[in-house]
């Protein structure tokens, strides 16, 4: 296991649907090379990626993106009408992930790990980001991961968790690097799933307001999300110049969008992530 003096090192995974296979390549590289990161902050599907890293299950994520995503239970319009969510969070984080599932998370390894896990969610009524940690996960109950990944509109209702209702963690803050620094990190690896030069477009305000009329603060956050994302990109680029942050991102998304199922593109994204992760060695002076 590699150590880095007295510095606390953190990693943030911002999620991005099926583009997250890029980060699964990064995580497999970390596990293959015994690179030990102290602090893991997951946003949206990034929370599930980092839980698998903490569990030490090399190759587990790759199967989610390159195999299970092609199953009709995983995502599709049928799920939206029958379960109220285009991406079937119950199937992913219960039927596959629980101890009886086809690819269980090693919950015991997660609880015994010294790594810190922070999971970001967005309060459905205030629109503000809230954080939970590893102690909020339970054996065969990964509702927290569902909450962090519940994209508004694609998911009709927020996820009920610990007496609160939550949507995707990235709605309120897409790259919560300030939280990581506030928690004591001195260096951060930030994993994006879009090119750093990518400019997000605004969501149609009228459409968003009509679909999220029950959650006006979420609607407001969604319509402003492209501005907040660009601001965060500008901020972390400056931090990278200062040597505090390493930004890993795919130069090319290989035709993969949030819900694009293309085996060749997904496989290529994984390979790009694994290759880009080699930059971590220089960043941490390994």
Protein backbone atom coordinates (compact mmCIF):
# COMPACT_ATOMS: atom_id res chain seq x y z
CA UNK A 1 0.00 0.00 0.00
CA UNK A 2 1.40 3.40 -0.99
CA UNK A 3 1.35 6.34 1.43
CA UNK A 4 1.94 10.01 0.77
CA UNK A 5 3.51 11.42 3.90
CA UNK A 6 1.13 13.38 6.09
CA UNK A 7 -1.00 14.74 3.26
CA UNK A 8 -4.66 13.73 3.06
CA UNK A 9 -5.48 12.78 -0.52
CA UNK A 10 -9.01 12.83 -1.87
CA UNK A 11 -10.82 11.68 -4.98
CA UNK A 12 -14.10 13.03 -6.36
CA UNK A 13 -16.18 11.16 -8.91
CA UNK A 14 -18.90 13.39 -10.36
CA UNK A 15 -20.82 10.63 -12.15
CA UNK A 16 -22.29 10.94 -15.64
CA UNK A 17 -24.44 7.91 -16.37
CA UNK A 18 -22.82 5.35 -18.66
CA UNK A 19 -19.89 7.69 -19.27
CA UNK A 20 -18.88 6.56 -15.79
CA UNK A 21 -17.12 3.60 -17.38
CA UNK A 22 -14.25 6.05 -17.89
CA UNK A 23 -13.91 6.22 -14.10
CA UNK A 24 -14.18 2.46 -13.73
CA UNK A 25 -10.93 2.33 -15.69
CA UNK A 26 -9.37 4.78 -13.25
CA UNK A 27 -10.54 2.77 -10.26
CA UNK A 28 -9.21 -0.49 -11.66
CA UNK A 29 -5.86 1.22 -12.20
CA UNK A 30 -5.83 2.37 -8.56
CA UNK A 31 -6.60 -1.16 -7.37
CA UNK A 32 -4.10 -2.80 -9.72
CA UNK A 33 -1.35 -0.52 -8.43
CA UNK A 34 -2.37 -0.44 -4.76
CA UNK A 35 -2.84 3.33 -4.82
CA UNK A 36 -4.53 4.14 -1.54
CA UNK A 37 -6.74 7.25 -1.50
CA UNK A 38 -7.86 8.41 1.94
CA UNK A 39 -11.03 10.31 1.10
CA UNK A 40 -13.70 9.43 -1.48
CA UNK A 41 -16.50 11.86 -2.39
CA UNK A 42 -19.12 10.49 -4.75
CA UNK A 43 -21.72 12.43 -6.69
CA UNK A 44 -24.55 10.65 -8.52
CA UNK A 45 -23.33 7.33 -9.99
CA UNK A 46 -19.87 8.36 -8.82
CA UNK A 47 -20.91 7.41 -5.30
CA UNK A 48 -21.42 3.79 -6.36
CA UNK A 49 -18.13 3.80 -8.26
CA UNK A 50 -16.21 4.89 -5.18
CA UNK A 51 -17.96 2.40 -2.89
CA UNK A 52 -16.68 -0.34 -5.19
CA UNK A 53 -13.18 1.16 -4.98
CA UNK A 54 -13.37 1.10 -1.18
CA UNK A 55 -14.56 -2.53 -1.34
CA UNK A 56 -11.52 -3.37 -3.49
CA UNK A 57 -13.57 -5.19 -6.13
CA UNK A 58 -11.48 -4.87 -9.25
CA UNK A 59 -13.49 -5.22 -12.48
CA UNK A 60 -16.89 -5.01 -10.80
CA UNK A 61 -17.82 -1.63 -12.26
CA UNK A 62 -16.86 -2.59 -15.80
CA UNK A 63 -19.52 -5.29 -15.79
CA UNK A 64 -22.20 -2.79 -14.74
CA UNK A 65 -21.43 -0.47 -17.63
CA UNK A 66 -20.52 -3.00 -20.34
CA UNK A 67 -22.87 -5.88 -19.49
CA UNK A 68 -25.78 -5.09 -17.18
CA UNK A 69 -26.61 -1.74 -18.81
CA UNK A 70 -27.80 -3.68 -21.89
CA UNK A 71 -30.47 -5.51 -19.87
CA UNK A 72 -33.99 -4.14 -20.22
CA UNK A 73 -34.39 -4.08 -16.44
CA UNK A 74 -31.43 -1.68 -16.17
CA UNK A 75 -32.89 1.23 -18.09
CA UNK A 76 -35.52 2.07 -20.65
CA UNK A 77 -38.83 3.80 -21.19
CA UNK A 78 -40.70 0.78 -19.81
CA UNK A 79 -39.02 1.31 -16.44
CA UNK A 80 -40.06 4.94 -16.49
CA UNK A 81 -43.75 4.10 -16.87
CA UNK A 82 -43.74 1.11 -14.53
CA UNK A 83 -41.38 2.36 -11.81
CA UNK A 84 -41.13 6.10 -12.37
CA UNK A 85 -37.46 6.07 -13.31
CA UNK A 86 -35.77 5.65 -16.68
CA UNK A 87 -32.66 4.18 -15.08
CA UNK A 88 -33.91 1.49 -12.71
CA UNK A 89 -32.12 2.34 -9.48
CA UNK A 90 -33.83 -0.51 -7.63
CA UNK A 91 -32.49 -3.05 -10.10
CA UNK A 92 -28.97 -1.62 -10.02
CA UNK A 93 -28.59 -0.99 -6.30
CA UNK A 94 -30.75 -3.80 -4.95
CA UNK A 95 -31.22 -6.69 -7.38
CA UNK A 96 -27.62 -6.61 -8.62
CA UNK A 97 -25.80 -5.11 -5.62
CA UNK A 98 -27.35 -6.87 -2.61
CA UNK A 99 -25.79 -10.00 -1.13
CA UNK A 100 -28.15 -12.23 -3.12
CA UNK A 101 -27.60 -10.31 -6.38
CA UNK A 102 -25.60 -11.26 -9.45
CA UNK A 103 -22.69 -8.97 -8.51
CA UNK A 104 -22.86 -8.21 -4.77
CA UNK A 105 -20.97 -5.36 -3.17
CA UNK A 106 -18.55 -6.60 -0.52
CA UNK A 107 -20.24 -4.69 2.27
CA UNK A 108 -17.97 -6.17 4.92
CA UNK A 109 -14.89 -4.82 3.13
CA UNK A 110 -16.47 -1.37 2.89
CA UNK A 111 -17.23 -1.20 6.61
CA UNK A 112 -13.74 -2.40 7.57
CA UNK A 113 -11.88 -0.05 5.25
CA UNK A 114 -10.12 2.97 6.73
CA UNK A 115 -11.09 5.04 3.69
CA UNK A 116 -13.62 7.80 4.27
CA UNK A 117 -16.71 7.84 2.05
CA UNK A 118 -18.85 10.94 1.50
CA UNK A 119 -21.99 10.76 -0.65
CA UNK A 120 -23.64 13.92 -1.99
CA UNK A 121 -27.41 14.25 -2.42
CA UNK A 122 -29.72 17.19 -3.12
CA UNK A 123 -32.62 17.99 -0.80
CA UNK A 124 -35.79 17.90 -2.90
CA UNK A 125 -37.38 20.83 -1.07
CA UNK A 126 -34.47 23.20 -0.41
CA UNK A 127 -32.37 22.41 -3.48
CA UNK A 128 -29.28 22.36 -1.27
CA UNK A 129 -26.59 19.71 -1.19
CA UNK A 130 -26.40 17.40 1.79
CA UNK A 131 -23.81 14.79 2.66
CA UNK A 132 -23.94 11.33 4.16
CA UNK A 133 -21.13 8.92 4.94
CA UNK A 134 -20.26 5.26 5.12
CA UNK A 135 -22.19 4.77 8.33
CA UNK A 136 -25.40 5.56 6.43
CA UNK A 137 -25.03 2.44 4.27
CA UNK A 138 -26.61 -0.74 5.57
CA UNK A 139 -26.30 -4.40 4.71
CA UNK A 140 -28.54 -5.05 1.68
CA UNK A 141 -29.85 -1.48 1.86
CA UNK A 142 -28.13 0.95 -0.50
CA UNK A 143 -30.91 3.52 -0.69
CA UNK A 144 -28.30 6.27 -0.23
CA UNK A 145 -26.73 5.38 -3.58
CA UNK A 146 -30.17 5.50 -5.20
CA UNK A 147 -30.78 8.95 -3.74
CA UNK A 148 -27.48 10.32 -5.01
CA UNK A 149 -28.24 8.99 -8.51
CA UNK A 150 -31.90 10.05 -8.86
CA UNK A 151 -31.77 12.50 -11.75
CA UNK A 152 -34.76 14.89 -11.77
CA UNK A 153 -37.14 14.36 -14.71
CA UNK A 154 -35.51 10.99 -15.53
CA UNK A 155 -36.69 10.05 -12.04
CA UNK A 156 -40.25 11.24 -11.40
CA UNK A 157 -40.03 11.26 -7.61
CA UNK A 158 -37.22 11.92 -5.15
CA UNK A 159 -35.86 9.03 -3.11
CA UNK A 160 -37.00 8.77 0.50
CA UNK A 161 -34.01 8.34 2.80
CA UNK A 162 -33.73 8.91 6.55
CA UNK A 163 -36.87 11.03 6.72
CA UNK A 164 -35.75 13.24 3.85
CA UNK A 165 -36.43 13.26 0.12
CA UNK A 166 -33.50 13.57 -2.23
CA UNK A 167 -32.53 13.90 -5.87
CA UNK A 168 -29.18 13.49 -7.63
CA UNK A 169 -26.28 15.03 -5.72
CA UNK A 170 -24.92 16.83 -8.77
CA UNK A 171 -27.95 19.10 -9.17
CA UNK A 172 -26.94 21.34 -6.28
CA UNK A 173 -23.16 21.22 -6.78
CA UNK A 174 -21.75 19.24 -9.72
CA UNK A 175 -18.14 19.28 -8.47
CA UNK A 176 -18.12 19.75 -4.68
CA UNK A 177 -14.39 20.20 -4.30
CA UNK A 178 -14.85 22.79 -1.52
CA UNK A 179 -16.41 20.10 0.68
CA UNK A 180 -13.35 17.89 0.22
CA UNK A 181 -10.94 20.69 1.14
CA UNK A 182 -13.12 21.66 4.12
CA UNK A 183 -12.92 18.04 5.29
CA UNK A 184 -9.12 18.21 5.33
CA UNK A 185 -7.96 17.09 1.89
CA UNK A 186 -4.75 18.74 0.73
CA UNK A 187 -4.71 17.29 -2.78
CA UNK A 188 -7.63 16.19 -4.92
CA UNK A 189 -8.07 13.91 -7.91
CA UNK A 190 -11.24 15.04 -9.69
CA UNK A 191 -12.75 12.57 -12.17
CA UNK A 192 -14.98 14.09 -14.84
CA UNK A 193 -16.80 12.18 -17.57
CA UNK A 194 -16.91 14.99 -20.09
CA UNK A 195 -14.02 16.84 -21.76
CA UNK A 196 -12.98 19.80 -19.65
CA UNK A 197 -13.72 22.06 -22.64
CA UNK A 198 -17.34 20.86 -22.90
CA UNK A 199 -19.96 23.59 -22.56
CA UNK A 200 -23.29 22.41 -21.18
CA UNK A 201 -26.48 23.86 -22.62
CA UNK A 202 -29.33 25.33 -20.60
CA UNK A 203 -32.41 23.20 -19.99
CA UNK A 204 -35.67 24.74 -21.31
CA UNK A 205 -36.95 26.63 -18.29
CA UNK A 206 -40.65 26.29 -19.07
CA UNK A 207 -40.39 22.54 -19.59
CA UNK A 208 -38.36 22.03 -16.42
CA UNK A 209 -40.79 24.10 -14.35
CA UNK A 210 -43.76 22.15 -15.68
CA UNK A 211 -42.21 18.77 -14.95
CA UNK A 212 -40.83 19.71 -11.53
CA UNK A 213 -43.63 21.98 -10.32
CA UNK A 214 -43.80 20.07 -7.03
CA UNK A 215 -40.13 20.83 -6.39
CA UNK A 216 -39.52 24.46 -7.38
CA UNK A 217 -36.07 24.65 -5.80
CA UNK A 218 -34.97 21.61 -7.81
CA UNK A 219 -36.40 23.17 -10.96
CA UNK A 220 -34.42 26.33 -10.25
CA UNK A 221 -31.23 24.33 -9.67
CA UNK A 222 -31.71 22.39 -12.91
CA UNK A 223 -32.20 25.52 -15.01
CA UNK A 224 -29.04 27.04 -13.51
CA UNK A 225 -26.97 23.84 -13.59
CA UNK A 226 -25.05 24.68 -16.77
CA UNK A 227 -23.81 27.94 -15.24
CA UNK A 228 -22.78 26.33 -11.97
CA UNK A 229 -20.99 23.53 -13.83
CA UNK A 230 -18.96 25.98 -15.92
CA UNK A 231 -18.06 28.01 -12.83
CA UNK A 232 -16.80 24.89 -11.10
CA UNK A 233 -14.76 23.90 -14.15
CA UNK A 234 -13.10 27.32 -14.19
CA UNK A 235 -12.35 27.07 -10.48
CA UNK A 236 -10.77 23.63 -10.59
CA UNK A 237 -8.68 24.53 -13.64
CA UNK A 238 -7.18 27.32 -11.55
CA UNK A 239 -6.57 24.90 -8.67
CA UNK A 240 -4.86 22.53 -11.08
CA UNK A 241 -2.42 25.29 -12.04
CA UNK A 242 -1.62 25.64 -8.34
CA UNK A 243 -0.85 21.92 -8.06
CA UNK A 244 -3.72 21.24 -5.65
CA UNK A 245 -5.89 19.31 -8.09
CA UNK A 246 -5.46 16.72 -10.82
CA UNK A 247 -8.36 16.70 -13.28
CA UNK A 248 -8.90 13.44 -15.14
CA UNK A 249 -11.34 13.51 -18.05
CA UNK A 250 -11.85 11.84 -21.42
CA UNK A 251 -10.66 13.90 -24.37
CA UNK A 252 -13.29 12.04 -26.39
CA UNK A 253 -16.48 10.49 -25.00
CA UNK A 254 -16.42 7.90 -27.79
CA UNK A 255 -20.03 8.61 -28.71
CA UNK A 256 -21.29 7.78 -25.21
CA UNK A 257 -23.90 10.02 -23.60
CA UNK A 258 -25.61 9.54 -20.26
CA UNK A 259 -27.74 6.62 -21.47
CA UNK A 260 -25.94 5.49 -24.66
CA UNK A 261 -25.53 1.73 -24.93
CA UNK A 262 -22.67 1.04 -27.30
CA UNK A 263 -20.25 -1.73 -26.38
CA UNK A 264 -17.34 -0.47 -28.45
CA UNK A 265 -17.66 3.08 -27.14
CA UNK A 266 -18.03 1.97 -23.54
CA UNK A 267 -15.00 -0.30 -23.80
CA UNK A 268 -12.92 2.51 -25.29
CA UNK A 269 -13.93 4.87 -22.47
CA UNK A 270 -12.73 2.30 -19.94
CA UNK A 271 -9.38 2.04 -21.71
CA UNK A 272 -9.02 5.83 -21.78
CA UNK A 273 -9.71 6.01 -18.04
CA UNK A 274 -7.15 3.32 -17.25
CA UNK A 275 -4.51 5.06 -19.36
CA UNK A 276 -5.25 8.54 -17.97
CA UNK A 277 -5.00 7.23 -14.41
CA UNK A 278 -1.26 6.84 -14.93
CA UNK A 279 -1.04 10.62 -14.40
CA UNK A 280 -1.86 10.01 -10.75
CA UNK A 281 1.65 8.72 -10.10
CA UNK A 282 3.28 12.03 -10.99
CA UNK A 283 0.63 14.01 -9.13
CA UNK A 284 1.24 12.07 -5.92
CA UNK A 285 5.00 11.72 -6.47
CA UNK A 286 4.85 7.93 -6.41
